[in-house]
Amino acid sequence: SQVEMILEICGELLQIRLGVEIVSRAVVILLRIHAVQVSSSTKLRPVLTKVQQHLRTALKRMRHVIGTNEAALLCGQRLGQDRAAGISEDRPSATETRRVERVKRRKKK
């Protein structure tokens, strides 16, 4: 069927890490539209497992990259705010001091 063919192509694209975000959206939409057909077909089971494995690893990798990028952006933002406020890099920034105080309060609880 066409659904099986599209899922196979999506699995191959995920395997070579090509367009992970768009392929994952396409798979979700495809599964929502054809939920009854997919759940009743035993032929699609191996294709779905292949897509699931590749999708999970690809999305984990994306989450990791996004988390790393977000942390770097927040760090850069803090440095920019500190420079704008005239705080040197030798002293901890006001933002960093507040963060450390919050962590200490959480540990006390």
N, C-alpha and C. Protein backbone atom coordinates (compact mmCIF):
# COMPACT_ATOMS: atom_id res chain seq x y z
N SER A 1 0.83 -1.20 0.00
CA SER A 1 0.00 0.00 0.00
C SER A 1 0.87 1.25 0.00
N GLN A 2 0.25 2.38 -0.25
CA GLN A 2 0.99 3.64 -0.31
C GLN A 2 1.50 4.05 1.06
N VAL A 3 0.72 3.76 2.10
CA VAL A 3 1.13 4.10 3.46
C VAL A 3 2.41 3.36 3.80
N GLU A 4 2.45 2.08 3.46
CA GLU A 4 3.64 1.26 3.74
C GLU A 4 4.85 1.82 2.99
N MET A 5 4.66 2.18 1.73
CA MET A 5 5.74 2.71 0.92
C MET A 5 6.27 4.03 1.51
N ILE A 6 5.36 4.90 1.92
CA ILE A 6 5.77 6.19 2.50
C ILE A 6 6.51 5.98 3.81
N LEU A 7 6.02 5.05 4.64
CA LEU A 7 6.69 4.77 5.91
C LEU A 7 8.08 4.18 5.68
N GLU A 8 8.24 3.34 4.67
CA GLU A 8 9.55 2.80 4.35
C GLU A 8 10.52 3.90 3.93
N ILE A 9 10.04 4.81 3.11
CA ILE A 9 10.87 5.94 2.68
C ILE A 9 11.25 6.80 3.88
N CYS A 10 10.29 7.04 4.77
CA CYS A 10 10.57 7.83 5.97
C CYS A 10 11.62 7.13 6.83
N GLY A 11 11.53 5.82 6.96
CA GLY A 11 12.52 5.06 7.71
C GLY A 11 13.91 5.20 7.12
N GLU A 12 14.01 5.15 5.80
CA GLU A 12 15.30 5.31 5.14
C GLU A 12 15.85 6.72 5.33
N LEU A 13 14.99 7.72 5.23
CA LEU A 13 15.42 9.10 5.44
C LEU A 13 15.91 9.32 6.86
N LEU A 14 15.22 8.72 7.82
CA LEU A 14 15.64 8.84 9.21
C LEU A 14 16.97 8.13 9.44
N GLN A 15 17.15 7.02 8.76
CA GLN A 15 18.38 6.24 8.92
C GLN A 15 19.60 7.05 8.45
N ILE A 16 19.44 7.81 7.39
CA ILE A 16 20.56 8.61 6.90
C ILE A 16 20.53 10.03 7.48
N ARG A 17 19.64 10.27 8.44
CA ARG A 17 19.54 11.54 9.17
C ARG A 17 19.26 12.72 8.25
N LEU A 18 18.36 12.53 7.34
CA LEU A 18 18.03 13.58 6.39
C LEU A 18 16.64 14.15 6.70
N GLY A 19 16.56 15.40 7.07
CA GLY A 19 15.29 16.07 7.34
C GLY A 19 14.52 15.44 8.49
N VAL A 20 15.20 15.22 9.61
CA VAL A 20 14.59 14.50 10.74
C VAL A 20 13.32 15.17 11.22
N GLU A 21 13.36 16.48 11.36
CA GLU A 21 12.20 17.18 11.90
C GLU A 21 10.99 17.05 10.99
N ILE A 22 11.19 17.25 9.71
CA ILE A 22 10.06 17.20 8.78
C ILE A 22 9.57 15.77 8.60
N VAL A 23 10.48 14.81 8.58
CA VAL A 23 10.08 13.41 8.43
C VAL A 23 9.29 12.97 9.66
N SER A 24 9.72 13.39 10.84
CA SER A 24 8.98 13.00 12.05
C SER A 24 7.57 13.59 12.04
N ARG A 25 7.43 14.80 11.58
CA ARG A 25 6.09 15.41 11.47
C ARG A 25 5.24 14.66 10.45
N ALA A 26 5.87 14.29 9.35
CA ALA A 26 5.14 13.55 8.31
C ALA A 26 4.67 12.20 8.83
N VAL A 27 5.52 11.52 9.60
CA VAL A 27 5.15 10.21 10.15
C VAL A 27 3.97 10.36 11.11
N VAL A 28 4.03 11.38 11.96
CA VAL A 28 2.94 11.60 12.92
C VAL A 28 1.63 11.88 12.19
N ILE A 29 1.67 12.73 11.20
CA ILE A 29 0.45 13.06 10.44
C ILE A 29 -0.07 11.82 9.72
N LEU A 30 0.84 11.07 9.12
CA LEU A 30 0.45 9.85 8.41
C LEU A 30 -0.21 8.85 9.35
N LEU A 31 0.36 8.69 10.53
CA LEU A 31 -0.20 7.73 11.49
C LEU A 31 -1.54 8.22 12.05
N ARG A 32 -1.71 9.51 12.20
CA ARG A 32 -2.99 10.04 12.67
C ARG A 32 -4.09 9.83 11.63
N ILE A 33 -3.75 10.08 10.38
CA ILE A 33 -4.73 9.97 9.32
C ILE A 33 -5.13 8.51 9.08
N HIS A 34 -4.14 7.62 9.08
CA HIS A 34 -4.38 6.22 8.74
C HIS A 34 -4.28 5.31 9.96
N ALA A 35 -4.70 5.77 11.12
CA ALA A 35 -4.55 5.02 12.36
C ALA A 35 -5.24 3.65 12.29
N VAL A 36 -6.44 3.60 11.77
CA VAL A 36 -7.18 2.34 11.70
C VAL A 36 -6.49 1.36 10.76
N GLN A 37 -6.11 1.83 9.60
CA GLN A 37 -5.44 0.97 8.62
C GLN A 37 -4.10 0.46 9.16
N VAL A 38 -3.34 1.32 9.82
CA VAL A 38 -2.03 0.94 10.34
C VAL A 38 -2.17 -0.05 11.48
N SER A 39 -3.10 0.19 12.39
CA SER A 39 -3.24 -0.70 13.54
C SER A 39 -3.79 -2.08 13.17
N SER A 40 -4.50 -2.17 12.08
CA SER A 40 -5.06 -3.47 11.70
C SER A 40 -4.15 -4.26 10.76
N SER A 41 -3.09 -3.65 10.29
CA SER A 41 -2.21 -4.31 9.34
C SER A 41 -1.02 -4.95 10.03
N THR A 42 -0.83 -6.25 9.81
CA THR A 42 0.34 -6.93 10.36
C THR A 42 1.55 -6.74 9.45
N LYS A 43 1.31 -6.38 8.20
CA LYS A 43 2.38 -6.14 7.25
C LYS A 43 3.20 -4.90 7.61
N LEU A 44 2.56 -3.94 8.27
CA LEU A 44 3.23 -2.69 8.61
C LEU A 44 4.06 -2.76 9.88
N ARG A 45 3.89 -3.83 10.65
CA ARG A 45 4.58 -3.93 11.93
C ARG A 45 6.10 -3.79 11.81
N PRO A 46 6.77 -4.55 10.91
CA PRO A 46 8.23 -4.39 10.81
C PRO A 46 8.64 -3.00 10.33
N VAL A 47 7.87 -2.44 9.45
CA VAL A 47 8.17 -1.09 8.95
C VAL A 47 8.03 -0.08 10.08
N LEU A 48 6.99 -0.22 10.88
CA LEU A 48 6.76 0.70 12.00
C LEU A 48 7.86 0.58 13.05
N THR A 49 8.32 -0.63 13.32
CA THR A 49 9.39 -0.79 14.31
C THR A 49 10.68 -0.15 13.81
N LYS A 50 10.95 -0.29 12.53
CA LYS A 50 12.14 0.33 11.95
C LYS A 50 12.05 1.86 12.06
N VAL A 51 10.90 2.40 11.70
CA VAL A 51 10.69 3.85 11.78
C VAL A 51 10.79 4.31 13.23
N GLN A 52 10.21 3.56 14.14
CA GLN A 52 10.23 3.93 15.55
C GLN A 52 11.66 3.98 16.09
N GLN A 53 12.46 2.98 15.78
CA GLN A 53 13.84 2.95 16.26
C GLN A 53 14.64 4.15 15.73
N HIS A 54 14.54 4.37 14.44
CA HIS A 54 15.30 5.48 13.85
C HIS A 54 14.78 6.83 14.33
N LEU A 55 13.47 6.93 14.50
CA LEU A 55 12.88 8.19 14.94
C LEU A 55 13.31 8.52 16.36
N ARG A 56 13.30 7.53 17.23
CA ARG A 56 13.71 7.78 18.62
C ARG A 56 15.16 8.25 18.71
N THR A 57 16.05 7.56 18.04
CA THR A 57 17.46 7.96 18.11
C THR A 57 17.69 9.33 17.49
N ALA A 58 17.03 9.59 16.37
CA ALA A 58 17.21 10.88 15.70
C ALA A 58 16.66 12.02 16.55
N LEU A 59 15.50 11.81 17.17
CA LEU A 59 14.92 12.87 17.99
C LEU A 59 15.70 13.07 19.29
N LYS A 60 16.27 12.00 19.85
CA LYS A 60 17.12 12.15 21.03
C LYS A 60 18.33 13.02 20.69
N ARG A 61 18.91 12.75 19.54
CA ARG A 61 20.07 13.52 19.09
C ARG A 61 19.69 14.99 18.91
N MET A 62 18.52 15.24 18.33
CA MET A 62 18.07 16.61 18.13
C MET A 62 17.83 17.32 19.47
N ARG A 63 17.20 16.61 20.41
CA ARG A 63 16.95 17.20 21.74
C ARG A 63 18.26 17.58 22.41
N HIS A 64 19.26 16.70 22.28
CA HIS A 64 20.57 16.96 22.89
C HIS A 64 21.20 18.21 22.28
N VAL A 65 21.16 18.31 20.97
CA VAL A 65 21.74 19.47 20.29
C VAL A 65 21.01 20.74 20.68
N ILE A 66 19.68 20.67 20.71
CA ILE A 66 18.89 21.85 21.06
C ILE A 66 19.17 22.27 22.50
N GLY A 67 19.28 21.30 23.40
CA GLY A 67 19.60 21.61 24.79
C GLY A 67 20.95 22.27 24.93
N THR A 68 21.93 21.76 24.20
CA THR A 68 23.27 22.34 24.23
C THR A 68 23.25 23.75 23.67
N ASN A 69 22.57 23.94 22.56
CA ASN A 69 22.48 25.27 21.96
C ASN A 69 21.76 26.25 22.88
N GLU A 70 20.71 25.77 23.53
CA GLU A 70 19.96 26.64 24.44
C GLU A 70 20.83 27.07 25.62
N ALA A 71 21.61 26.14 26.16
CA ALA A 71 22.49 26.46 27.28
C ALA A 71 23.54 27.49 26.85
N ALA A 72 24.08 27.32 25.65
CA ALA A 72 25.07 28.27 25.15
C ALA A 72 24.45 29.65 24.93
N LEU A 73 23.23 29.69 24.41
CA LEU A 73 22.55 30.97 24.20
C LEU A 73 22.27 31.67 25.52
N LEU A 74 21.84 30.91 26.53
CA LEU A 74 21.58 31.50 27.84
C LEU A 74 22.86 32.05 28.46
N CYS A 75 23.94 31.31 28.30
CA CYS A 75 25.24 31.77 28.82
C CYS A 75 25.65 33.06 28.12
N GLY A 76 25.51 33.09 26.81
CA GLY A 76 25.84 34.29 26.05
C GLY A 76 24.96 35.47 26.44
N GLN A 77 23.69 35.19 26.70
CA GLN A 77 22.76 36.24 27.12
C GLN A 77 23.20 36.81 28.46
N ARG A 78 23.57 35.92 29.40
CA ARG A 78 24.02 36.39 30.71
C ARG A 78 25.28 37.24 30.58
N LEU A 79 26.22 36.79 29.75
CA LEU A 79 27.44 37.57 29.56
C LEU A 79 27.13 38.93 28.96
N GLY A 80 26.21 38.97 28.01
CA GLY A 80 25.81 40.24 27.40
C GLY A 80 25.17 41.18 28.41
N GLN A 81 24.32 40.63 29.26
CA GLN A 81 23.67 41.45 30.28
C GLN A 81 24.69 41.98 31.28
N ASP A 82 25.66 41.12 31.63
CA ASP A 82 26.69 41.54 32.58
C ASP A 82 27.56 42.64 31.99
N ARG A 83 27.91 42.50 30.72
CA ARG A 83 28.73 43.53 30.07
C ARG A 83 27.96 44.84 29.98
N ALA A 84 26.66 44.74 29.67
CA ALA A 84 25.84 45.95 29.59
C ALA A 84 25.72 46.62 30.95
N ALA A 85 25.74 45.82 32.01
CA ALA A 85 25.63 46.37 33.36
C ALA A 85 27.00 46.81 33.89
N GLY A 86 28.07 46.53 33.14
CA GLY A 86 29.40 46.95 33.55
C GLY A 86 30.05 46.02 34.55
N ILE A 87 29.60 44.78 34.59
CA ILE A 87 30.16 43.80 35.52
C ILE A 87 31.29 43.07 34.81
N SER A 88 32.42 42.97 35.49
CA SER A 88 33.55 42.28 34.87
C SER A 88 33.37 40.77 35.01
N GLU A 89 34.14 40.03 34.24
CA GLU A 89 34.03 38.57 34.26
C GLU A 89 34.70 37.96 35.48
N ASP A 90 35.47 38.78 36.23
CA ASP A 90 36.16 38.27 37.42
C ASP A 90 35.17 37.98 38.54
N ARG A 91 34.18 38.86 38.68
CA ARG A 91 33.18 38.69 39.74
C ARG A 91 31.99 37.91 39.19
N PRO A 92 31.29 37.17 40.06
CA PRO A 92 30.07 36.51 39.58
C PRO A 92 28.99 37.54 39.29
N SER A 93 28.23 37.30 38.27
CA SER A 93 27.18 38.24 37.88
C SER A 93 26.02 38.17 38.85
N ALA A 94 25.16 39.16 38.78
CA ALA A 94 23.98 39.19 39.63
C ALA A 94 23.08 38.00 39.31
N THR A 95 22.99 37.68 38.02
CA THR A 95 22.17 36.55 37.60
C THR A 95 22.73 35.26 38.18
N GLU A 96 24.03 35.10 38.10
CA GLU A 96 24.69 33.89 38.62
C GLU A 96 24.54 33.81 40.13
N THR A 97 24.67 34.92 40.81
CA THR A 97 24.53 34.94 42.27
C THR A 97 23.11 34.52 42.66
N ARG A 98 22.10 35.05 41.96
CA ARG A 98 20.72 34.68 42.26
C ARG A 98 20.49 33.18 42.01
N ARG A 99 21.08 32.67 40.94
CA ARG A 99 20.93 31.25 40.62
C ARG A 99 21.54 30.39 41.72
N VAL A 100 22.72 30.76 42.18
CA VAL A 100 23.39 29.99 43.24
C VAL A 100 22.56 30.04 44.52
N GLU A 101 22.00 31.20 44.83
CA GLU A 101 21.17 31.32 46.03
C GLU A 101 19.92 30.44 45.93
N ARG A 102 19.30 30.38 44.75
CA ARG A 102 18.13 29.51 44.56
C ARG A 102 18.49 28.06 44.77
N VAL A 103 19.64 27.66 44.24
CA VAL A 103 20.08 26.26 44.39
C VAL A 103 20.32 25.96 45.86
N LYS A 104 20.93 26.89 46.59
CA LYS A 104 21.17 26.67 48.02
C LYS A 104 19.86 26.54 48.79
N ARG A 105 18.88 27.41 48.45
CA ARG A 105 17.58 27.32 49.13
C ARG A 105 16.89 25.99 48.86
N ARG A 106 16.99 25.51 47.64
CA ARG A 106 16.38 24.21 47.30
C ARG A 106 17.02 23.08 48.08
N LYS A 107 18.32 23.14 48.26
CA LYS A 107 19.02 22.09 49.00
C LYS A 107 18.64 22.08 50.46
N LYS A 108 18.33 23.25 51.02
CA LYS A 108 17.95 23.34 52.43
C LYS A 108 16.59 22.67 52.68
N LYS A 109 15.71 22.72 51.68
CA LYS A 109 14.35 22.18 51.84
C LYS A 109 14.36 20.72 51.86
